[in-house]
Amino acid sequence: MQDEQLREDAKQLLRVSYERQAARGEVGLRVDLGAGAEERGLGADSPHLAALVDYMEVAGWIKPDPGAFDAAGGPTRMITGRGVEVLRER
């Protein structure tokens, strides 16, 4: 049950972050999870945010984008093919 909730929270963070980028007219698969987290009420130093990012990396939904940084100063992530499939889920 807890894993299902973590997956759902991670999925929502990925979706919010991606839609935020798209709304600003930014195309591509680079995503600012820090900004998406702020929108969901999570601070940059939130242990829950760290758990969600770890979950997404282990699941293969995202990977670090070296040299690019998000609003919180952390590395921007790239959405992988598997992550795109998750975005398409309803």
Protein backbone atom coordinates (compact mmCIF):
# COMPACT_ATOMS: atom_id res chain seq x y z
CA MET A 1 0.00 0.00 0.00
CA GLN A 2 2.76 2.46 0.92
CA ASP A 3 4.62 1.69 -2.32
CA GLU A 4 1.47 2.43 -4.30
CA GLN A 5 1.13 5.82 -2.58
CA LEU A 6 4.80 6.63 -3.21
CA ARG A 7 4.37 5.72 -6.88
CA GLU A 8 1.24 7.85 -7.18
CA ASP A 9 2.91 10.83 -5.46
CA ALA A 10 5.95 10.48 -7.73
CA LYS A 11 3.70 10.26 -10.79
CA GLN A 12 1.86 13.43 -9.75
CA LEU A 13 5.11 15.31 -9.14
CA LEU A 14 6.42 14.29 -12.54
CA ARG A 15 3.16 15.31 -14.23
CA VAL A 16 2.92 18.67 -12.42
CA SER A 17 6.55 19.46 -13.18
CA TYR A 18 6.21 18.54 -16.85
CA GLU A 19 2.92 20.42 -17.32
CA ARG A 20 4.44 23.48 -15.65
CA GLN A 21 7.28 23.46 -18.18
CA ALA A 22 4.85 22.99 -21.07
CA ALA A 23 2.63 25.85 -19.84
CA ARG A 24 5.66 28.14 -19.99
CA GLY A 25 6.19 27.12 -23.60
CA GLU A 26 9.27 25.03 -22.90
CA VAL A 27 9.40 21.93 -25.06
CA GLY A 28 11.56 18.90 -24.48
CA LEU A 29 12.05 16.38 -21.76
CA ARG A 30 14.02 18.47 -19.26
CA VAL A 31 12.00 18.93 -16.09
CA ASP A 32 12.42 21.08 -12.98
CA LEU A 33 11.19 18.84 -10.17
CA GLY A 34 12.01 21.51 -7.58
CA ALA A 35 9.51 23.93 -9.12
CA GLY A 36 6.90 21.19 -9.41
CA ALA A 37 7.48 20.30 -5.77
CA GLU A 38 6.94 23.91 -4.69
CA GLU A 39 3.64 23.88 -6.54
CA ARG A 40 2.66 20.76 -4.57
CA GLY A 41 3.71 22.32 -1.26
CA LEU A 42 7.00 20.46 -0.84
CA GLY A 43 10.14 22.35 0.13
CA ALA A 44 13.48 21.72 -1.56
CA ASP A 45 14.80 20.08 1.61
CA SER A 46 11.72 17.89 2.14
CA PRO A 47 12.55 14.23 2.86
CA HIS A 48 9.40 13.28 0.95
CA LEU A 49 10.66 15.13 -2.14
CA ALA A 50 13.99 13.31 -1.87
CA ALA A 51 12.13 9.99 -1.62
CA LEU A 52 10.04 10.82 -4.69
CA VAL A 53 13.09 11.77 -6.76
CA ASP A 54 14.88 8.61 -5.63
CA TYR A 55 11.84 6.55 -6.56
CA MET A 56 11.67 8.10 -10.03
CA GLU A 57 15.40 7.54 -10.63
CA VAL A 58 15.31 3.91 -9.48
CA ALA A 59 12.16 3.27 -11.54
CA GLY A 60 13.94 4.73 -14.57
CA TRP A 61 11.49 7.59 -15.11
CA ILE A 62 14.14 10.31 -14.90
CA LYS A 63 17.89 10.74 -15.07
CA PRO A 64 20.13 13.66 -14.06
CA ASP A 65 20.88 16.25 -16.73
CA PRO A 66 24.51 17.20 -16.04
CA GLY A 67 25.23 20.90 -16.19
CA ALA A 68 21.61 22.07 -15.86
CA PHE A 69 20.14 23.21 -12.55
CA ASP A 70 16.60 23.64 -11.23
CA ALA A 71 15.06 26.44 -9.14
CA ALA A 72 16.46 24.92 -5.93
CA GLY A 73 19.99 24.64 -7.34
CA GLY A 74 19.81 20.89 -7.81
CA PRO A 75 20.39 19.11 -11.10
CA THR A 76 17.59 19.33 -13.63
CA ARG A 77 16.30 15.92 -14.63
CA MET A 78 15.54 14.48 -18.04
CA ILE A 79 12.43 12.37 -18.49
CA THR A 80 13.27 8.97 -19.96
CA GLY A 81 11.16 6.91 -22.33
CA ARG A 82 9.77 5.05 -19.35
CA GLY A 83 8.91 8.40 -17.73
CA VAL A 84 7.02 9.47 -20.86
CA GLU A 85 4.96 6.29 -20.58
CA VAL A 86 4.12 7.23 -16.97
CA LEU A 87 3.03 10.72 -18.09
CA ARG A 88 0.61 9.11 -20.54
CA GLU A 89 -1.02 6.97 -17.82
CA ARG A 90 -4.38 8.11 -16.54
